């Protein structure tokens, strides 16, 4: 079957779990997508049972066919990961993975409204969701637009771009939005991409979703649970890095404290990746979308 998406950092991700995870219990793939990472985990860990979660019905239907040979070892949940994780208490969880990105299929399918030249303004990962990029671009006020352009796109001309968007409303497609950005002086695709990404992050509430995934994994994790997170945005990576640092702290006393008064026994585990694992030159050459991917790993240690 034709595979519409190349999973990033595949060998590195498998290697992270091979070095640290036991071959038993459950593995939760929070972002199943088209099943690339899940397939590799099921192949390399013959005793693992896998739970695949995704809010995109199209992707999940494809993954079900791709992973049909593992049907006796896999369950599927069609929901946001942060919601699905709440339902998985009591399981022996050996590993969790979340790939916080948009699949190549979603990017390349113009009907999904992610590409620069799409005929719609959509960008929803879950097509059942009503709120879309059209709402952000056409109904956000100046302050809201400036905020997402400044915070998520890290765009220095956020005021000028917000002004051009507001003056050219209504905007009905990504193609129209691209033309407006050109008029505002944003003609380089490398500079335009973060603007589209910022709108997508807002539409899908991606940063809050990542925070909730981390919070709910912490509740589910048991002694030895391995968590891997793949991010594609500096703000996402910062959230993961800072959370892992918090979990690894033994002492949680305020910095101004003269001595430890908390007991120094608050460490929840150890960071497995001192620096994020990034794609090789070979992978970036064969799959340019992997260039911004970063993988971080954490091992929970609980009494």
C-alpha atoms as a PDB file:
ATOM      1  CA  UNK A   1       0.000   0.000   0.000  1.00  0.00           C
ATOM      2  CA  UNK A   2       1.141   3.573  -0.699  1.00  0.00           C
ATOM      3  CA  UNK A   3       2.333   5.274   2.494  1.00  0.00           C
ATOM      4  CA  UNK A   4       1.303   8.981   2.499  1.00  0.00           C
ATOM      5  CA  UNK A   5       3.600  10.013   5.362  1.00  0.00           C
ATOM      6  CA  UNK A   6       7.225   9.361   6.311  1.00  0.00           C
ATOM      7  CA  UNK A   7       7.647   9.148  10.102  1.00  0.00           C
ATOM      8  CA  UNK A   8      10.493  11.354  11.320  1.00  0.00           C
ATOM      9  CA  UNK A   9      13.365  10.139  13.503  1.00  0.00           C
ATOM     10  CA  UNK A  10      12.065   6.580  13.153  1.00  0.00           C
ATOM     11  CA  UNK A  11      15.247   4.647  13.906  1.00  0.00           C
ATOM     12  CA  UNK A  12      16.208   7.105  16.660  1.00  0.00           C
ATOM     13  CA  UNK A  13      12.786   6.728  18.278  1.00  0.00           C
ATOM     14  CA  UNK A  14      12.913   2.927  18.171  1.00  0.00           C
ATOM     15  CA  UNK A  15      16.453   3.046  19.563  1.00  0.00           C
ATOM     16  CA  UNK A  16      15.330   5.216  22.498  1.00  0.00           C
ATOM     17  CA  UNK A  17      12.801   2.568  23.535  1.00  0.00           C
ATOM     18  CA  UNK A  18      15.064  -0.412  22.736  1.00  0.00           C
ATOM     19  CA  UNK A  19      17.686   0.904  25.132  1.00  0.00           C
ATOM     20  CA  UNK A  20      15.293   1.747  27.935  1.00  0.00           C
ATOM     21  CA  UNK A  21      11.895  -0.021  27.690  1.00  0.00           C
ATOM     22  CA  UNK A  22      10.909  -3.533  28.714  1.00  0.00           C
ATOM     23  CA  UNK A  23       9.118  -5.764  26.187  1.00  0.00           C
ATOM     24  CA  UNK A  24       5.843  -6.172  28.058  1.00  0.00           C
ATOM     25  CA  UNK A  25       2.745  -4.213  29.000  1.00  0.00           C
ATOM     26  CA  UNK A  26       1.215  -1.415  26.941  1.00  0.00           C
ATOM     27  CA  UNK A  27       2.671   1.199  24.625  1.00  0.00           C
ATOM     28  CA  UNK A  28       0.578   4.308  23.975  1.00  0.00           C
ATOM     29  CA  UNK A  29       1.051   6.149  20.685  1.00  0.00           C
ATOM     30  CA  UNK A  30      -0.660   9.476  21.417  1.00  0.00           C
ATOM     31  CA  UNK A  31      -0.408  10.613  17.790  1.00  0.00           C
ATOM     32  CA  UNK A  32      -0.935   7.471  15.725  1.00  0.00           C
ATOM     33  CA  UNK A  33      -1.160   9.268  12.381  1.00  0.00           C
ATOM     34  CA  UNK A  34      -0.540   6.791   9.573  1.00  0.00           C
ATOM     35  CA  UNK A  35       1.009   4.240  11.923  1.00  0.00           C
ATOM     36  CA  UNK A  36       4.705   4.507  11.030  1.00  0.00           C
ATOM     37  CA  UNK A  37       6.091   4.731  14.553  1.00  0.00           C
ATOM     38  CA  UNK A  38       3.530   2.250  15.888  1.00  0.00           C
ATOM     39  CA  UNK A  39       4.409  -0.309  13.220  1.00  0.00           C
ATOM     40  CA  UNK A  40       8.092  -0.080  14.165  1.00  0.00           C
ATOM     41  CA  UNK A  41       7.320  -0.480  17.878  1.00  0.00           C
ATOM     42  CA  UNK A  42       5.096  -3.528  17.252  1.00  0.00           C
ATOM     43  CA  UNK A  43       7.792  -5.096  15.056  1.00  0.00           C
ATOM     44  CA  UNK A  44      10.596  -4.528  17.566  1.00  0.00           C
ATOM     45  CA  UNK A  45       8.667  -5.415  20.731  1.00  0.00           C
ATOM     46  CA  UNK A  46       6.742  -8.655  20.052  1.00  0.00           C
ATOM     47  CA  UNK A  47       5.204  -8.790  23.530  1.00  0.00           C
ATOM     48  CA  UNK A  48       3.974  -5.201  23.633  1.00  0.00           C
ATOM     49  CA  UNK A  49       0.305  -4.323  23.221  1.00  0.00           C
ATOM     50  CA  UNK A  50      -0.284  -0.936  21.631  1.00  0.00           C
ATOM     51  CA  UNK A  51      -2.984   1.704  21.996  1.00  0.00           C
ATOM     52  CA  UNK A  52      -3.116   4.067  19.016  1.00  0.00           C
ATOM     53  CA  UNK A  53      -4.757   7.458  19.559  1.00  0.00           C
ATOM     54  CA  UNK A  54      -5.573  10.069  16.914  1.00  0.00           C
ATOM     55  CA  UNK A  55      -8.245  12.704  16.378  1.00  0.00           C
ATOM     56  CA  UNK A  56      -7.976  12.455  12.569  1.00  0.00           C
ATOM     57  CA  UNK A  57     -10.424   9.822  11.319  1.00  0.00           C
ATOM     58  CA  UNK A  58      -8.854   9.620   7.851  1.00  0.00           C
ATOM     59  CA  UNK A  59      -5.419   8.887   9.280  1.00  0.00           C
ATOM     60  CA  UNK A  60      -6.811   6.314  11.694  1.00  0.00           C
ATOM     61  CA  UNK A  61      -8.633   4.398   8.952  1.00  0.00           C
ATOM     62  CA  UNK A  62      -5.375   4.159   7.023  1.00  0.00           C
ATOM     63  CA  UNK A  63      -3.452   3.075  10.150  1.00  0.00           C
ATOM     64  CA  UNK A  64      -6.007   0.320  10.852  1.00  0.00           C
ATOM     65  CA  UNK A  65      -5.332  -1.206   7.435  1.00  0.00           C
ATOM     66  CA  UNK A  66      -1.576  -0.772   7.729  1.00  0.00           C
ATOM     67  CA  UNK A  67      -1.462  -2.394  11.171  1.00  0.00           C
ATOM     68  CA  UNK A  68      -4.060  -5.102  10.470  1.00  0.00           C
ATOM     69  CA  UNK A  69      -1.440  -7.850  10.887  1.00  0.00           C
ATOM     70  CA  UNK A  70      -1.097  -6.747  14.526  1.00  0.00           C
ATOM     71  CA  UNK A  71      -4.872  -6.610  15.135  1.00  0.00           C
ATOM     72  CA  UNK A  72      -4.655  -8.889  18.187  1.00  0.00           C
ATOM     73  CA  UNK A  73      -2.140  -6.536  19.819  1.00  0.00           C
ATOM     74  CA  UNK A  74      -3.570  -3.105  19.090  1.00  0.00           C
ATOM     75  CA  UNK A  75      -6.530  -0.932  20.105  1.00  0.00           C
ATOM     76  CA  UNK A  76      -7.602   2.344  18.504  1.00  0.00           C
ATOM     77  CA  UNK A  77      -9.071   5.467  20.110  1.00  0.00           C
ATOM     78  CA  UNK A  78     -10.367   8.287  17.890  1.00  0.00           C
ATOM     79  CA  UNK A  79     -10.006  11.280  20.246  1.00  0.00           C
ATOM     80  CA  UNK A  80      -7.625  14.020  21.269  1.00  0.00           C
ATOM     81  CA  UNK A  81      -4.762  12.364  23.127  1.00  0.00           C
ATOM     82  CA  UNK A  82      -5.232  14.524  26.223  1.00  0.00           C
ATOM     83  CA  UNK A  83      -8.806  13.240  26.524  1.00  0.00           C
ATOM     84  CA  UNK A  84      -8.052   9.607  25.642  1.00  0.00           C
ATOM     85  CA  UNK A  85      -5.261   9.366  28.225  1.00  0.00           C
ATOM     86  CA  UNK A  86      -7.790  10.034  30.987  1.00  0.00           C
ATOM     87  CA  UNK A  87      -9.474   6.709  30.130  1.00  0.00           C
ATOM     88  CA  UNK A  88      -6.372   4.522  30.454  1.00  0.00           C
ATOM     89  CA  UNK A  89      -5.883   4.281  34.209  1.00  0.00           C
ATOM     90  CA  UNK A  90      -4.846   0.939  35.673  1.00  0.00           C
ATOM     91  CA  UNK A  91      -2.839  -0.312  32.702  1.00  0.00           C
ATOM     92  CA  UNK A  92       0.759  -1.519  32.874  1.00  0.00           C
ATOM     93  CA  UNK A  93       2.258   1.194  30.659  1.00  0.00           C
ATOM     94  CA  UNK A  94       5.799   0.587  29.450  1.00  0.00           C
ATOM     95  CA  UNK A  95       6.047   3.407  26.927  1.00  0.00           C
ATOM     96  CA  UNK A  96       4.335   6.520  25.589  1.00  0.00           C
ATOM     97  CA  UNK A  97       5.093   8.432  22.384  1.00  0.00           C
ATOM     98  CA  UNK A  98       3.738  11.734  21.091  1.00  0.00           C
ATOM     99  CA  UNK A  99       4.786  13.118  17.692  1.00  0.00           C
ATOM    100  CA  UNK A 100       3.574  16.728  17.879  1.00  0.00           C
ATOM    101  CA  UNK A 101       3.387  17.520  14.198  1.00  0.00           C
ATOM    102  CA  UNK A 102       1.189  17.528  11.122  1.00  0.00           C
ATOM    103  CA  UNK A 103       1.466  14.576   8.757  1.00  0.00           C
ATOM    104  CA  UNK A 104       2.715  14.923   5.183  1.00  0.00           C
ATOM    105  CA  UNK A 105      -0.723  13.797   4.026  1.00  0.00           C
ATOM    106  CA  UNK A 106      -2.420  16.639   5.899  1.00  0.00           C
ATOM    107  CA  UNK A 107       0.096  19.138   4.538  1.00  0.00           C
ATOM    108  CA  UNK A 108      -0.125  17.940   0.955  1.00  0.00           C
ATOM    109  CA  UNK A 109      -3.881  17.410   0.756  1.00  0.00           C
ATOM    110  CA  UNK A 110      -5.186  20.805  -0.391  1.00  0.00           C
ATOM    111  CA  UNK A 111      -8.665  19.989   0.902  1.00  0.00           C
ATOM    112  CA  UNK A 112      -7.303  20.046   4.453  1.00  0.00           C
ATOM    113  CA  UNK A 113      -6.240  23.671   4.015  1.00  0.00           C
ATOM    114  CA  UNK A 114      -2.648  23.549   5.287  1.00  0.00           C
ATOM    115  CA  UNK A 115      -0.718  24.421   2.110  1.00  0.00           C
ATOM    116  CA  UNK A 116       0.098  27.941   0.910  1.00  0.00           C
ATOM    117  CA  UNK A 117      -2.022  27.472  -2.226  1.00  0.00           C
ATOM    118  CA  UNK A 118      -5.024  25.661  -0.713  1.00  0.00           C
ATOM    119  CA  UNK A 119      -8.462  26.792  -1.867  1.00  0.00           C
ATOM    120  CA  UNK A 120      -9.763  26.758   1.713  1.00  0.00           C
ATOM    121  CA  UNK A 121      -8.774  28.293   5.044  1.00  0.00           C
ATOM    122  CA  UNK A 122      -9.031  25.250   7.292  1.00  0.00           C
ATOM    123  CA  UNK A 123      -6.014  23.705   9.103  1.00  0.00           C
ATOM    124  CA  UNK A 124      -8.145  21.518  11.401  1.00  0.00           C
ATOM    125  CA  UNK A 125      -6.517  18.255  12.458  1.00  0.00           C
ATOM    126  CA  UNK A 126      -9.954  17.044  13.492  1.00  0.00           C
ATOM    127  CA  UNK A 127     -12.449  17.692  10.688  1.00  0.00           C
ATOM    128  CA  UNK A 128     -15.359  17.406  13.149  1.00  0.00           C
ATOM    129  CA  UNK A 129     -14.112  20.505  14.941  1.00  0.00           C
ATOM    130  CA  UNK A 130     -16.059  23.616  13.904  1.00  0.00           C
ATOM    131  CA  UNK A 131     -13.395  26.225  14.682  1.00  0.00           C
ATOM    132  CA  UNK A 132     -10.965  26.646  11.753  1.00  0.00           C
ATOM    133  CA  UNK A 133      -8.316  28.958  10.298  1.00  0.00           C
ATOM    134  CA  UNK A 134     -11.143  30.893   8.626  1.00  0.00           C
ATOM    135  CA  UNK A 135     -12.354  31.974  12.070  1.00  0.00           C
ATOM    136  CA  UNK A 136      -8.885  33.042  13.205  1.00  0.00           C
ATOM    137  CA  UNK A 137      -8.063  35.014  10.058  1.00  0.00           C
ATOM    138  CA  UNK A 138     -11.454  36.665   9.629  1.00  0.00           C
ATOM    139  CA  UNK A 139     -12.768  37.193  13.155  1.00  0.00           C
ATOM    140  CA  UNK A 140      -9.827  37.629  15.532  1.00  0.00           C
ATOM    141  CA  UNK A 141      -9.363  41.254  16.570  1.00  0.00           C
ATOM    142  CA  UNK A 142      -6.098  43.123  16.074  1.00  0.00           C
ATOM    143  CA  UNK A 143      -4.704  42.268  19.512  1.00  0.00           C
ATOM    144  CA  UNK A 144      -5.447  38.554  19.093  1.00  0.00           C
ATOM    145  CA  UNK A 145      -3.839  38.395  15.652  1.00  0.00           C
ATOM    146  CA  UNK A 146      -0.777  40.307  16.817  1.00  0.00           C
ATOM    147  CA  UNK A 147      -0.433  37.984  19.810  1.00  0.00           C
ATOM    148  CA  UNK A 148      -0.339  34.735  17.817  1.00  0.00           C
ATOM    149  CA  UNK A 149       1.953  36.236  15.148  1.00  0.00           C
ATOM    150  CA  UNK A 150       4.347  37.501  17.810  1.00  0.00           C
ATOM    151  CA  UNK A 151       4.203  34.502  20.146  1.00  0.00           C
ATOM    152  CA  UNK A 152       3.872  31.515  17.809  1.00  0.00           C
ATOM    153  CA  UNK A 153       5.453  32.803  14.577  1.00  0.00           C
ATOM    154  CA  UNK A 154       8.021  34.985  16.366  1.00  0.00           C
ATOM    155  CA  UNK A 155       7.367  37.435  13.507  1.00  0.00           C
ATOM    156  CA  UNK A 156       8.980  40.835  14.025  1.00  0.00           C
ATOM    157  CA  UNK A 157       6.475  42.618  11.774  1.00  0.00           C
ATOM    158  CA  UNK A 158       3.448  41.202  13.578  1.00  0.00           C
ATOM    159  CA  UNK A 159       1.644  44.570  13.673  1.00  0.00           C
ATOM    160  CA  UNK A 160       2.039  45.212   9.942  1.00  0.00           C
ATOM    161  CA  UNK A 161       0.874  41.700   9.007  1.00  0.00           C
ATOM    162  CA  UNK A 162      -2.154  41.871  11.317  1.00  0.00           C
ATOM    163  CA  UNK A 163      -3.043  45.221   9.726  1.00  0.00           C
ATOM    164  CA  UNK A 164      -2.877  43.790   6.177  1.00  0.00           C
ATOM    165  CA  UNK A 165      -5.030  40.809   7.189  1.00  0.00           C
ATOM    166  CA  UNK A 166      -7.704  43.014   8.768  1.00  0.00           C
ATOM    167  CA  UNK A 167      -7.792  45.445   5.838  1.00  0.00           C
ATOM    168  CA  UNK A 168      -8.239  42.626   3.282  1.00  0.00           C
ATOM    169  CA  UNK A 169     -11.067  40.736   4.983  1.00  0.00           C
ATOM    170  CA  UNK A 170     -12.933  38.589   4.167  1.00  0.00           C
ATOM    171  CA  UNK A 171     -10.211  36.074   3.289  1.00  0.00           C
ATOM    172  CA  UNK A 172     -11.528  32.754   2.007  1.00  0.00           C
ATOM    173  CA  UNK A 173      -8.475  30.639   1.190  1.00  0.00           C
ATOM    174  CA  UNK A 174      -4.833  30.052   1.973  1.00  0.00           C
ATOM    175  CA  UNK A 175      -4.111  31.226  -1.559  1.00  0.00           C
ATOM    176  CA  UNK A 176      -5.677  34.623  -0.751  1.00  0.00           C
ATOM    177  CA  UNK A 177      -3.801  34.791   2.549  1.00  0.00           C
ATOM    178  CA  UNK A 178      -0.534  34.060   0.726  1.00  0.00           C
ATOM    179  CA  UNK A 179      -1.230  36.920  -1.702  1.00  0.00           C
ATOM    180  CA  UNK A 180      -1.922  39.279   1.198  1.00  0.00           C
ATOM    181  CA  UNK A 181       1.343  38.282   2.893  1.00  0.00           C
ATOM    182  CA  UNK A 182       3.133  38.990  -0.384  1.00  0.00           C
ATOM    183  CA  UNK A 183       1.625  42.487  -0.381  1.00  0.00           C
ATOM    184  CA  UNK A 184       2.853  42.916   3.183  1.00  0.00           C
ATOM    185  CA  UNK A 185       6.385  42.102   1.994  1.00  0.00           C
ATOM    186  CA  UNK A 186       6.469  38.462   3.176  1.00  0.00           C
ATOM    187  CA  UNK A 187       7.497  36.654  -0.010  1.00  0.00           C
ATOM    188  CA  UNK A 188      10.015  34.085   1.221  1.00  0.00           C
ATOM    189  CA  UNK A 189       8.335  30.733   1.991  1.00  0.00           C
ATOM    190  CA  UNK A 190      10.735  30.144   4.881  1.00  0.00           C
ATOM    191  CA  UNK A 191       9.430  33.315   6.515  1.00  0.00           C
ATOM    192  CA  UNK A 192       5.835  32.653   5.525  1.00  0.00           C
ATOM    193  CA  UNK A 193       5.779  29.101   6.937  1.00  0.00           C
ATOM    194  CA  UNK A 194       5.926  30.162  10.628  1.00  0.00           C
ATOM    195  CA  UNK A 195       2.931  32.466  10.031  1.00  0.00           C
ATOM    196  CA  UNK A 196       0.841  29.597   8.700  1.00  0.00           C
ATOM    197  CA  UNK A 197       2.166  27.389  11.493  1.00  0.00           C
ATOM    198  CA  UNK A 198       1.130  29.997  14.073  1.00  0.00           C
ATOM    199  CA  UNK A 199      -2.441  30.006  12.756  1.00  0.00           C
ATOM    200  CA  UNK A 200      -2.476  26.193  12.754  1.00  0.00           C
ATOM    201  CA  UNK A 201      -1.237  26.081  16.355  1.00  0.00           C
ATOM    202  CA  UNK A 202      -4.033  28.441  17.359  1.00  0.00           C
ATOM    203  CA  UNK A 203      -6.715  26.497  15.460  1.00  0.00           C
ATOM    204  CA  UNK A 204      -5.784  23.189  17.075  1.00  0.00           C
ATOM    205  CA  UNK A 205      -4.789  24.581  20.481  1.00  0.00           C
ATOM    206  CA  UNK A 206      -1.576  22.607  20.060  1.00  0.00           C
ATOM    207  CA  UNK A 207       0.528  24.011  22.892  1.00  0.00           C
ATOM    208  CA  UNK A 208      -2.226  23.490  25.470  1.00  0.00           C
ATOM    209  CA  UNK A 209      -2.781  20.002  24.085  1.00  0.00           C
ATOM    210  CA  UNK A 210       0.905  19.208  24.564  1.00  0.00           C
ATOM    211  CA  UNK A 211       0.807  20.521  28.136  1.00  0.00           C
ATOM    212  CA  UNK A 212      -2.252  18.362  28.865  1.00  0.00           C
ATOM    213  CA  UNK A 213      -0.618  15.281  27.331  1.00  0.00           C
ATOM    214  CA  UNK A 214       2.392  15.748  29.609  1.00  0.00           C
ATOM    215  CA  UNK A 215       0.170  16.272  32.654  1.00  0.00           C
ATOM    216  CA  UNK A 216      -1.924  13.177  31.948  1.00  0.00           C
ATOM    217  CA  UNK A 217       1.072  10.980  31.135  1.00  0.00           C
ATOM    218  CA  UNK A 218       2.547  11.909  34.516  1.00  0.00           C
ATOM    219  CA  UNK A 219      -0.620  10.622  36.179  1.00  0.00           C
ATOM    220  CA  UNK A 220      -0.551   7.349  34.217  1.00  0.00           C
ATOM    221  CA  UNK A 221       3.172   6.639  34.372  1.00  0.00           C
ATOM    222  CA  UNK A 222       4.518   3.815  36.480  1.00  0.00           C
ATOM    223  CA  UNK A 223       8.019   2.819  37.521  1.00  0.00           C
ATOM    224  CA  UNK A 224      10.019   2.414  34.313  1.00  0.00           C
ATOM    225  CA  UNK A 225       7.553   4.059  31.907  1.00  0.00           C
ATOM    226  CA  UNK A 226       9.470   5.624  28.997  1.00  0.00           C
ATOM    227  CA  UNK A 227       8.108   8.821  27.438  1.00  0.00           C
ATOM    228  CA  UNK A 228       9.269  10.105  24.060  1.00  0.00           C
ATOM    229  CA  UNK A 229       8.145  13.430  22.591  1.00  0.00           C
ATOM    230  CA  UNK A 230       8.902  14.649  19.056  1.00  0.00           C
ATOM    231  CA  UNK A 231       8.382  18.385  18.490  1.00  0.00           C
ATOM    232  CA  UNK A 232       8.693  20.660  15.455  1.00  0.00           C
ATOM    233  CA  UNK A 233       8.419  24.123  17.016  1.00  0.00           C
ATOM    234  CA  UNK A 234      10.715  25.923  19.455  1.00  0.00           C
ATOM    235  CA  UNK A 235       7.850  26.673  21.851  1.00  0.00           C
ATOM    236  CA  UNK A 236       6.803  23.007  21.883  1.00  0.00           C
ATOM    237  CA  UNK A 237      10.365  21.864  22.534  1.00  0.00           C
ATOM    238  CA  UNK A 238      10.707  24.418  25.348  1.00  0.00           C
ATOM    239  CA  UNK A 239       7.563  23.084  27.033  1.00  0.00           C
ATOM    240  CA  UNK A 240       8.901  19.514  26.894  1.00  0.00           C
ATOM    241  CA  UNK A 241      12.431  20.450  28.002  1.00  0.00           C
ATOM    242  CA  UNK A 242      11.173  22.486  30.963  1.00  0.00           C
ATOM    243  CA  UNK A 243       8.694  19.810  32.047  1.00  0.00           C
ATOM    244  CA  UNK A 244      11.369  17.103  31.930  1.00  0.00           C
ATOM    245  CA  UNK A 245      13.635  19.332  34.044  1.00  0.00           C
ATOM    246  CA  UNK A 246      10.856  19.815  36.598  1.00  0.00           C
ATOM    247  CA  UNK A 247      10.205  16.086  36.776  1.00  0.00           C
ATOM    248  CA  UNK A 248      13.926  15.387  37.268  1.00  0.00           C
ATOM    249  CA  UNK A 249      14.285  17.776  40.230  1.00  0.00           C
ATOM    250  CA  UNK A 250      14.922  16.210  43.623  1.00  0.00           C
ATOM    251  CA  UNK A 251      14.441  19.486  45.494  1.00  0.00           C
ATOM    252  CA  UNK A 252      11.492  21.771  44.737  1.00  0.00           C
ATOM    253  CA  UNK A 253      12.277  24.469  47.294  1.00  0.00           C
ATOM    254  CA  UNK A 254      12.281  28.068  45.979  1.00  0.00           C
ATOM    255  CA  UNK A 255      15.683  29.322  44.755  1.00  0.00           C
ATOM    256  CA  UNK A 256      15.955  31.807  47.619  1.00  0.00           C
ATOM    257  CA  UNK A 257      15.756  29.028  50.271  1.00  0.00           C
ATOM    258  CA  UNK A 258      18.992  28.725  52.336  1.00  0.00           C
ATOM    259  CA  UNK A 259      18.602  24.969  52.702  1.00  0.00           C
ATOM    260  CA  UNK A 260      16.308  22.229  51.446  1.00  0.00           C
ATOM    261  CA  UNK A 261      13.097  21.966  53.439  1.00  0.00           C
ATOM    262  CA  UNK A 262      11.043  19.848  51.011  1.00  0.00           C
ATOM    263  CA  UNK A 263      12.807  16.589  51.804  1.00  0.00           C
ATOM    264  CA  UNK A 264      14.657  16.366  48.487  1.00  0.00           C
ATOM    265  CA  UNK A 265      12.683  13.320  47.397  1.00  0.00           C
ATOM    266  CA  UNK A 266      10.484  14.807  44.673  1.00  0.00           C
ATOM    267  CA  UNK A 267      12.311  13.416  41.630  1.00  0.00           C
ATOM    268  CA  UNK A 268       9.890  11.681  39.273  1.00  0.00           C
ATOM    269  CA  UNK A 269      12.501  10.215  36.965  1.00  0.00           C
ATOM    270  CA  UNK A 270      15.528  10.849  34.785  1.00  0.00           C
ATOM    271  CA  UNK A 271      16.064  12.652  31.488  1.00  0.00           C
ATOM    272  CA  UNK A 272      17.290  10.198  28.839  1.00  0.00           C
ATOM    273  CA  UNK A 273      18.342  12.834  26.306  1.00  0.00           C
ATOM    274  CA  UNK A 274      20.711  15.531  27.606  1.00  0.00           C
ATOM    275  CA  UNK A 275      20.286  17.238  24.249  1.00  0.00           C
ATOM    276  CA  UNK A 276      17.396  16.676  21.844  1.00  0.00           C
ATOM    277  CA  UNK A 277      17.957  14.053  19.164  1.00  0.00           C
ATOM    278  CA  UNK A 278      17.711  15.598  15.695  1.00  0.00           C
ATOM    279  CA  UNK A 279      17.543  14.241  12.163  1.00  0.00           C
ATOM    280  CA  UNK A 280      20.677  13.195  10.295  1.00  0.00           C
ATOM    281  CA  UNK A 281      21.766  14.989   7.141  1.00  0.00           C
ATOM    282  CA  UNK A 282      20.639  11.925   5.187  1.00  0.00           C
ATOM    283  CA  UNK A 283      17.131  12.034   6.656  1.00  0.00           C
ATOM    284  CA  UNK A 284      16.788  15.787   6.084  1.00  0.00           C
ATOM    285  CA  UNK A 285      17.838  15.263   2.467  1.00  0.00           C
ATOM    286  CA  UNK A 286      15.246  12.529   1.902  1.00  0.00           C
ATOM    287  CA  UNK A 287      12.558  14.159   4.076  1.00  0.00           C
ATOM    288  CA  UNK A 288      13.082  17.964   4.416  1.00  0.00           C
ATOM    289  CA  UNK A 289      10.231  18.216   6.943  1.00  0.00           C
ATOM    290  CA  UNK A 290      12.400  16.383   9.467  1.00  0.00           C
ATOM    291  CA  UNK A 291      14.855  19.306   9.712  1.00  0.00           C
ATOM    292  CA  UNK A 292      13.044  20.934  12.634  1.00  0.00           C
ATOM    293  CA  UNK A 293      12.180  17.687  14.479  1.00  0.00           C
ATOM    294  CA  UNK A 294      13.528  17.165  17.995  1.00  0.00           C
ATOM    295  CA  UNK A 295      13.143  14.025  20.088  1.00  0.00           C
ATOM    296  CA  UNK A 296      13.438  14.064  23.882  1.00  0.00           C
ATOM    297  CA  UNK A 297      13.086  11.092  26.221  1.00  0.00           C
ATOM    298  CA  UNK A 298      12.264  10.651  29.904  1.00  0.00           C
ATOM    299  CA  UNK A 299      12.143   7.626  32.214  1.00  0.00           C
ATOM    300  CA  UNK A 300       9.723   7.709  35.136  1.00  0.00           C
ATOM    301  CA  UNK A 301      10.955   6.256  38.422  1.00  0.00           C
ATOM    302  CA  UNK A 302       8.309   5.667  41.029  1.00  0.00           C
ATOM    303  CA  UNK A 303       8.393   3.845  44.356  1.00  0.00           C
END
